[in-house]
N, C-alpha and C. Protein backbone atom coordinates (compact mmCIF):
# COMPACT_ATOMS: atom_id res chain seq x y z
N UNK A 1 -28.46 -4.23 4.55
CA UNK A 1 -27.25 -3.59 4.52
C UNK A 1 -25.50 -4.13 5.17
N UNK A 2 -25.25 -4.64 4.53
CA UNK A 2 -23.76 -5.41 5.27
C UNK A 2 -23.06 -4.49 6.30
N UNK A 3 -22.25 -5.14 7.03
CA UNK A 3 -21.79 -4.58 8.15
C UNK A 3 -20.07 -5.50 8.54
N UNK A 4 -18.98 -4.74 8.47
CA UNK A 4 -18.03 -5.22 8.45
C UNK A 4 -17.16 -3.83 10.04
N UNK A 5 -17.02 -4.78 11.22
CA UNK A 5 -16.31 -3.90 12.27
C UNK A 5 -15.04 -4.50 11.93
N UNK A 6 -14.25 -3.34 12.21
CA UNK A 6 -12.76 -3.63 11.86
C UNK A 6 -11.89 -2.58 12.86
N UNK A 7 -10.78 -2.95 13.56
CA UNK A 7 -9.97 -2.38 14.26
C UNK A 7 -8.96 -1.83 12.87
N UNK A 8 -8.31 -0.41 13.52
CA UNK A 8 -7.30 -0.20 12.35
C UNK A 8 -7.20 1.58 13.03
N UNK A 9 -5.84 1.73 12.85
CA UNK A 9 -5.28 2.64 13.54
C UNK A 9 -5.27 3.74 12.76
N UNK A 10 -5.82 4.59 13.24
CA UNK A 10 -6.53 6.14 12.53
C UNK A 10 -5.13 7.32 12.06
N UNK A 11 -4.36 6.69 11.97
CA UNK A 11 -3.01 7.67 11.45
C UNK A 11 -2.70 6.42 10.09
N UNK A 12 -3.65 5.42 9.84
CA UNK A 12 -3.84 4.31 8.47
C UNK A 12 -4.32 5.45 7.56
N UNK A 13 -3.61 5.13 6.20
CA UNK A 13 -4.70 6.03 4.82
C UNK A 13 -5.82 5.35 4.62
N UNK A 14 -6.90 5.84 3.90
CA UNK A 14 -8.07 5.94 3.18
C UNK A 14 -7.75 4.27 2.59
N UNK A 15 -6.91 4.50 1.66
CA UNK A 15 -6.86 3.30 0.98
C UNK A 15 -6.06 2.30 1.27
N UNK A 16 -5.29 2.41 2.44
CA UNK A 16 -5.26 1.01 3.11
C UNK A 16 -6.32 0.55 3.73
N UNK A 17 -7.29 1.14 4.37
CA UNK A 17 -8.43 0.58 4.72
C UNK A 17 -9.46 0.09 3.68
N UNK A 18 -9.18 0.72 2.90
CA UNK A 18 -10.07 0.26 1.50
C UNK A 18 -9.18 -1.47 1.31
N UNK A 19 -8.03 -1.48 1.34
CA UNK A 19 -7.49 -2.66 0.48
C UNK A 19 -8.06 -3.65 1.78
N UNK A 20 -7.55 -3.10 3.30
CA UNK A 20 -8.09 -4.23 3.70
C UNK A 20 -9.82 -4.59 4.13
N UNK A 21 -10.16 -4.02 3.92
CA UNK A 21 -11.91 -3.82 3.70
C UNK A 21 -11.81 -5.12 2.64
N UNK A 22 -10.96 -5.29 1.18
CA UNK A 22 -10.95 -5.95 0.00
C UNK A 22 -10.71 -7.24 0.30
N UNK A 23 -9.89 -7.18 1.47
CA UNK A 23 -9.14 -8.42 1.59
C UNK A 23 -9.87 -9.52 2.63
N UNK A 24 -10.48 -9.01 3.74
CA UNK A 24 -10.96 -9.47 4.66
C UNK A 24 -12.68 -9.06 4.68
N UNK A 25 -12.96 -8.11 4.07
CA UNK A 25 -14.80 -8.51 4.34
C UNK A 25 -15.05 -8.65 3.04
N UNK A 26 -14.39 -9.19 1.94
CA UNK A 26 -14.77 -8.55 0.64
C UNK A 26 -15.87 -8.02 0.46
N UNK A 27 -15.37 -6.34 0.07
CA UNK A 27 -16.15 -5.14 -0.46
C UNK A 27 -14.96 -5.11 -1.18
N UNK A 28 -16.04 -4.28 -2.44
CA UNK A 28 -14.96 -4.13 -3.32
C UNK A 28 -14.24 -2.88 -2.98
N UNK A 29 -12.95 -3.34 -3.10
CA UNK A 29 -11.49 -1.85 -2.98
C UNK A 29 -11.88 -0.41 -3.75
N UNK A 30 -12.80 -0.33 -4.66
CA UNK A 30 -13.02 0.81 -5.13
C UNK A 30 -14.16 1.78 -5.18
N UNK A 31 -14.56 1.34 -3.91
CA UNK A 31 -16.53 1.58 -3.30
C UNK A 31 -15.96 2.75 -2.46
N UNK A 32 -16.49 3.87 -3.24
CA UNK A 32 -16.53 5.00 -2.24
C UNK A 32 -16.53 4.89 -0.70
N UNK A 33 -15.45 5.59 0.34
CA UNK A 33 -15.66 5.64 1.56
C UNK A 33 -16.13 7.00 2.11
N UNK A 34 -17.59 6.83 2.85
CA UNK A 34 -18.51 7.95 3.20
C UNK A 34 -17.96 8.14 4.45
N UNK A 35 -17.67 9.69 5.03
CA UNK A 35 -17.78 9.68 6.84
C UNK A 35 -18.08 11.39 6.65
N UNK A 36 -19.31 11.58 7.67
CA UNK A 36 -19.92 12.97 7.83
C UNK A 36 -20.58 13.43 6.36
N UNK A 37 -20.86 12.65 5.41
CA UNK A 37 -20.96 13.52 4.19
C UNK A 37 -19.91 13.46 3.62
N UNK A 38 -18.83 13.17 3.57
CA UNK A 38 -17.28 13.69 3.02
C UNK A 38 -16.60 12.24 2.51
N UNK A 39 -16.64 12.43 0.92
CA UNK A 39 -15.80 11.24 -0.03
C UNK A 39 -14.75 11.03 0.42
N UNK A 40 -14.30 10.13 1.06
CA UNK A 40 -12.61 9.99 1.62
C UNK A 40 -11.99 9.45 0.58
N UNK A 41 -10.55 10.90 0.05
CA UNK A 41 -9.61 10.32 -0.39
C UNK A 41 -8.34 9.21 -0.18
N UNK A 42 -8.70 8.49 -0.89
CA UNK A 42 -7.08 7.65 -1.00
C UNK A 42 -6.07 7.60 0.06
N UNK A 43 -5.30 9.21 -0.36
CA UNK A 43 -4.22 9.13 -0.06
C UNK A 43 -3.90 9.97 1.25
N UNK A 44 -5.13 10.05 1.83
CA UNK A 44 -5.10 10.84 3.31
C UNK A 44 -5.44 9.90 4.49
N UNK A 45 -5.31 10.58 5.86
CA UNK A 45 -5.22 9.60 6.68
C UNK A 45 -6.70 9.32 7.36
N UNK A 46 -6.94 8.15 7.93
CA UNK A 46 -8.42 8.57 8.66
C UNK A 46 -8.21 9.83 9.78
N UNK A 47 -7.56 9.97 10.58
CA UNK A 47 -7.26 10.62 11.66
C UNK A 47 -7.49 12.62 11.07
N UNK A 48 -7.04 12.57 9.61
CA UNK A 48 -7.06 14.04 8.40
C UNK A 48 -8.39 14.33 8.90
N UNK A 49 -9.72 12.76 8.58
CA UNK A 49 -10.98 13.41 8.39
C UNK A 49 -11.68 13.76 9.62
N UNK A 50 -10.80 13.43 11.14
CA UNK A 50 -11.78 13.35 12.39
C UNK A 50 -12.50 12.25 12.89
N UNK A 51 -11.69 11.04 12.18
CA UNK A 51 -12.37 9.64 12.25
C UNK A 51 -11.89 9.43 14.07
N UNK A 52 -12.98 8.57 14.31
CA UNK A 52 -12.06 8.24 15.75
C UNK A 52 -12.68 7.06 16.76
N UNK A 53 -12.08 6.44 17.42
CA UNK A 53 -12.64 5.45 17.70
C UNK A 53 -14.46 5.32 18.09
N UNK A 54 -14.74 3.95 17.07
CA UNK A 54 -16.11 3.95 17.54
C UNK A 54 -17.27 4.75 16.22
N UNK A 55 -15.85 5.05 14.99
CA UNK A 55 -17.19 5.82 14.04
C UNK A 55 -17.12 5.17 13.39
N UNK A 56 -18.26 5.16 12.32
CA UNK A 56 -18.42 4.73 11.57
C UNK A 56 -18.15 4.94 10.04
N UNK A 57 -17.75 4.64 9.25
CA UNK A 57 -17.50 4.63 7.62
C UNK A 57 -18.19 4.53 6.97
N UNK A 58 -19.31 5.11 5.74
CA UNK A 58 -20.21 4.21 5.04
C UNK A 58 -19.57 4.10 3.65
N UNK A 59 -20.08 2.85 2.95
CA UNK A 59 -19.36 2.35 1.48
C UNK A 59 -21.13 2.22 1.26
N UNK A 60 -20.79 3.16 -0.10
CA UNK A 60 -22.19 2.87 -1.23
C UNK A 60 -21.60 1.61 -2.44
N UNK A 61 -22.55 1.13 -2.71
CA UNK A 61 -21.99 -0.06 -4.16
C UNK A 61 -22.06 0.63 -5.06
N UNK A 62 -22.76 1.76 -5.77
CA UNK A 62 -22.31 2.77 -6.66
C UNK A 62 -22.77 3.86 -6.76
N UNK A 63 -22.23 4.75 -6.93
CA UNK A 63 -22.47 6.73 -6.86
C UNK A 63 -22.86 6.88 -8.47
N UNK A 64 -24.25 7.57 -8.52
CA UNK A 64 -24.18 7.65 -10.42
C UNK A 64 -24.34 9.32 -10.15
N UNK A 65 -23.27 10.43 -10.67
CA UNK A 65 -23.82 12.06 -10.51
C UNK A 65 -24.08 11.69 -12.14
N UNK A 66 -25.20 12.70 -12.48
CA UNK A 66 -25.73 13.15 -13.84
C UNK A 66 -25.47 14.38 -13.59
N UNK A 67 -24.79 15.13 -14.76
CA UNK A 67 -24.71 16.37 -14.82
C UNK A 67 -26.05 17.15 -15.65
N UNK A 68 -26.56 17.99 -15.40
CA UNK A 68 -27.60 18.14 -16.09
C UNK A 68 -27.36 19.84 -16.89
N UNK A 69 -27.46 19.49 -17.79
CA UNK A 69 -27.41 20.60 -18.90
C UNK A 69 -28.64 21.01 -19.42
N UNK A 70 -28.46 22.22 -18.99
CA UNK A 70 -29.92 22.98 -18.99
C UNK A 70 -30.28 23.33 -20.62
N UNK A 71 -29.48 23.32 -21.27
CA UNK A 71 -29.82 23.80 -22.86
C UNK A 71 -30.50 22.77 -23.43
N UNK A 72 -30.57 21.34 -22.99
CA UNK A 72 -30.69 20.33 -23.80
C UNK A 72 -32.00 19.76 -22.89
N UNK A 73 -31.75 19.81 -21.87
CA UNK A 73 -32.71 19.40 -20.19
C UNK A 73 -32.52 18.07 -20.08
N UNK A 74 -31.08 17.50 -20.37
CA UNK A 74 -30.87 16.17 -19.76
C UNK A 74 -29.66 16.95 -18.77
């Protein structure tokens, strides 16, 4: 697992964090950010999710959701 420790203003948007990490930590900008099991939305601030100093935000390389159709079994 790669780690990138950053200092960020908690009033910053999730999108600005994504852009910063893409430019400085070489993380793809569209990877979902997850905090306490919630996928963070780009327009909201980090503070609006309750992020505090020292907290971790996780990123996943790829998340696949598969819809199950009970009629066909797939």
